[in-house]
N, C-alpha and C. Protein backbone atom coordinates (compact mmCIF):
# COMPACT_ATOMS: atom_id res chain seq x y z
N UNK A 1 -67.10 28.23 -13.42
CA UNK A 1 -68.44 28.05 -12.92
C UNK A 1 -68.83 29.33 -12.19
N UNK A 2 -70.00 29.82 -12.48
CA UNK A 2 -70.45 31.05 -11.85
C UNK A 2 -70.83 30.78 -10.39
N UNK A 3 -70.87 31.85 -9.62
CA UNK A 3 -71.21 31.72 -8.21
C UNK A 3 -72.63 31.20 -8.02
N UNK A 4 -73.55 31.62 -8.88
CA UNK A 4 -74.93 31.14 -8.79
C UNK A 4 -75.02 29.63 -9.02
N UNK A 5 -74.31 29.16 -10.02
CA UNK A 5 -74.33 27.72 -10.31
C UNK A 5 -73.68 26.94 -9.18
N UNK A 6 -72.60 27.47 -8.62
CA UNK A 6 -71.92 26.79 -7.52
C UNK A 6 -72.81 26.71 -6.28
N UNK A 7 -73.50 27.79 -5.96
CA UNK A 7 -74.41 27.78 -4.82
C UNK A 7 -75.58 26.82 -5.03
N UNK A 8 -76.08 26.77 -6.26
CA UNK A 8 -77.15 25.82 -6.58
C UNK A 8 -76.65 24.39 -6.40
N UNK A 9 -75.42 24.12 -6.80
CA UNK A 9 -74.83 22.80 -6.63
C UNK A 9 -74.69 22.46 -5.15
N UNK A 10 -74.26 23.41 -4.34
CA UNK A 10 -74.12 23.17 -2.90
C UNK A 10 -75.47 22.88 -2.25
N UNK A 11 -76.48 23.63 -2.62
CA UNK A 11 -77.82 23.41 -2.06
C UNK A 11 -78.33 22.03 -2.48
N UNK A 12 -78.16 21.68 -3.74
CA UNK A 12 -78.59 20.37 -4.23
C UNK A 12 -77.87 19.25 -3.48
N UNK A 13 -76.56 19.39 -3.32
CA UNK A 13 -75.78 18.35 -2.63
C UNK A 13 -76.26 18.19 -1.19
N UNK A 14 -76.52 19.30 -0.53
CA UNK A 14 -76.98 19.23 0.86
C UNK A 14 -78.36 18.56 0.96
N UNK A 15 -79.28 18.98 0.12
CA UNK A 15 -80.63 18.43 0.18
C UNK A 15 -80.64 16.95 -0.14
N UNK A 16 -79.89 16.54 -1.16
CA UNK A 16 -79.89 15.12 -1.52
C UNK A 16 -79.17 14.27 -0.48
N UNK A 17 -78.28 14.88 0.30
CA UNK A 17 -77.57 14.08 1.30
C UNK A 17 -78.40 13.87 2.57
N UNK A 18 -79.43 14.69 2.81
CA UNK A 18 -80.21 14.52 4.03
C UNK A 18 -81.59 13.91 3.79
N UNK A 19 -82.00 13.80 2.54
CA UNK A 19 -83.31 13.20 2.28
C UNK A 19 -83.21 11.68 2.41
N UNK A 20 -84.28 11.05 2.87
CA UNK A 20 -84.22 9.60 2.99
C UNK A 20 -84.12 8.95 1.62
N UNK A 21 -83.13 8.18 1.45
CA UNK A 21 -82.91 7.45 0.21
C UNK A 21 -82.25 6.13 0.52
N UNK A 22 -81.76 5.45 -0.48
CA UNK A 22 -81.18 4.13 -0.25
C UNK A 22 -79.96 4.16 0.67
N UNK A 23 -79.13 5.19 0.55
CA UNK A 23 -77.95 5.25 1.42
C UNK A 23 -78.34 5.45 2.88
N UNK A 24 -79.29 6.35 3.12
CA UNK A 24 -79.71 6.59 4.50
C UNK A 24 -80.41 5.36 5.08
N UNK A 25 -81.14 4.65 4.26
CA UNK A 25 -81.79 3.43 4.75
C UNK A 25 -80.75 2.34 5.04
N UNK A 26 -79.71 2.25 4.22
CA UNK A 26 -78.63 1.30 4.50
C UNK A 26 -77.91 1.65 5.79
N UNK A 27 -77.68 2.95 6.03
CA UNK A 27 -77.03 3.37 7.26
C UNK A 27 -77.92 3.08 8.47
N UNK A 28 -79.22 3.27 8.33
CA UNK A 28 -80.15 2.96 9.42
C UNK A 28 -80.06 1.47 9.76
N UNK A 29 -80.13 0.63 8.76
CA UNK A 29 -80.08 -0.82 8.99
C UNK A 29 -78.73 -1.23 9.58
N UNK A 30 -77.65 -0.63 9.07
CA UNK A 30 -76.32 -0.95 9.58
C UNK A 30 -76.16 -0.51 11.02
N UNK A 31 -76.68 0.68 11.35
CA UNK A 31 -76.60 1.17 12.72
C UNK A 31 -77.38 0.29 13.69
N UNK A 32 -78.55 -0.17 13.26
CA UNK A 32 -79.36 -1.03 14.12
C UNK A 32 -78.70 -2.39 14.31
N UNK A 33 -78.15 -2.94 13.24
CA UNK A 33 -77.58 -4.29 13.31
C UNK A 33 -76.19 -4.35 13.92
N UNK A 34 -75.35 -3.32 13.65
CA UNK A 34 -73.96 -3.41 14.05
C UNK A 34 -73.53 -2.33 15.04
N UNK A 35 -74.35 -1.33 15.28
CA UNK A 35 -73.99 -0.25 16.19
C UNK A 35 -73.40 0.93 15.44
N UNK A 36 -73.38 2.05 16.14
CA UNK A 36 -72.94 3.29 15.51
C UNK A 36 -71.45 3.26 15.18
N UNK A 37 -70.64 2.76 16.10
CA UNK A 37 -69.18 2.78 15.89
C UNK A 37 -68.80 1.96 14.67
N UNK A 38 -69.40 0.80 14.49
CA UNK A 38 -69.06 -0.04 13.33
C UNK A 38 -69.69 0.46 12.05
N UNK A 39 -70.60 1.43 12.13
CA UNK A 39 -71.24 2.01 10.95
C UNK A 39 -70.50 3.25 10.46
N UNK A 40 -69.60 3.80 11.25
CA UNK A 40 -68.88 5.01 10.86
C UNK A 40 -68.11 4.84 9.54
N UNK A 41 -67.39 3.75 9.30
CA UNK A 41 -66.73 3.60 7.99
C UNK A 41 -67.71 3.62 6.82
N UNK A 42 -68.88 3.06 7.02
CA UNK A 42 -69.93 3.06 5.99
C UNK A 42 -70.37 4.50 5.72
N UNK A 43 -70.56 5.28 6.78
CA UNK A 43 -70.96 6.68 6.64
C UNK A 43 -69.89 7.47 5.89
N UNK A 44 -68.64 7.27 6.25
CA UNK A 44 -67.54 7.98 5.58
C UNK A 44 -67.45 7.57 4.11
N UNK A 45 -67.65 6.31 3.83
CA UNK A 45 -67.60 5.83 2.45
C UNK A 45 -68.69 6.46 1.58
N UNK A 46 -69.88 6.58 2.12
CA UNK A 46 -70.97 7.21 1.38
C UNK A 46 -70.66 8.69 1.14
N UNK A 47 -70.18 9.37 2.17
CA UNK A 47 -69.85 10.79 2.03
C UNK A 47 -68.74 11.05 1.04
N UNK A 48 -67.69 10.26 1.11
CA UNK A 48 -66.56 10.42 0.18
C UNK A 48 -66.97 10.06 -1.24
N UNK A 49 -67.74 9.00 -1.38
CA UNK A 49 -68.22 8.60 -2.71
C UNK A 49 -69.09 9.66 -3.35
N UNK A 50 -69.96 10.28 -2.56
CA UNK A 50 -70.82 11.33 -3.07
C UNK A 50 -69.99 12.54 -3.48
N UNK A 51 -68.97 12.87 -2.69
CA UNK A 51 -68.09 13.99 -3.03
C UNK A 51 -67.35 13.72 -4.34
N UNK A 52 -66.83 12.52 -4.51
CA UNK A 52 -66.13 12.16 -5.75
C UNK A 52 -67.07 12.24 -6.94
N UNK A 53 -68.31 11.79 -6.77
CA UNK A 53 -69.30 11.86 -7.83
C UNK A 53 -69.58 13.31 -8.21
N UNK A 54 -69.74 14.19 -7.22
CA UNK A 54 -69.99 15.59 -7.50
C UNK A 54 -68.81 16.25 -8.21
N UNK A 55 -67.61 15.93 -7.79
CA UNK A 55 -66.43 16.49 -8.44
C UNK A 55 -66.33 16.02 -9.88
N UNK A 56 -66.57 14.73 -10.12
CA UNK A 56 -66.50 14.20 -11.48
C UNK A 56 -67.52 14.86 -12.39
N UNK A 57 -68.73 15.03 -11.89
CA UNK A 57 -69.77 15.68 -12.70
C UNK A 57 -69.42 17.16 -12.91
N UNK A 58 -68.88 17.80 -11.87
CA UNK A 58 -68.47 19.20 -11.98
C UNK A 58 -67.37 19.41 -13.00
N UNK A 59 -66.52 18.41 -13.16
CA UNK A 59 -65.43 18.50 -14.14
C UNK A 59 -65.90 18.14 -15.55
N UNK A 60 -67.15 17.78 -15.68
CA UNK A 60 -67.70 17.51 -17.01
C UNK A 60 -67.60 16.07 -17.45
N UNK A 61 -67.28 15.15 -16.54
CA UNK A 61 -67.14 13.76 -16.93
C UNK A 61 -68.48 13.08 -17.20
N UNK A 62 -69.57 13.73 -16.81
CA UNK A 62 -70.89 13.16 -17.05
C UNK A 62 -71.43 13.49 -18.43
N UNK A 63 -70.73 14.35 -19.15
CA UNK A 63 -71.26 14.81 -20.46
C UNK A 63 -71.03 13.79 -21.52
């Protein structure tokens, strides 16, 4: 993978992780209902799942 493509992937991953979407709305609701401490596993699960998805697509499993 070229450096340009890798940087584009990093920018895309960052932007999609901070834009309001279903995951961020679920975290908002979970934080309001259960508190921040009990929402941390949910946050870690979303982050790890997104990383696994990016790695799988990067390895060509989406083709």
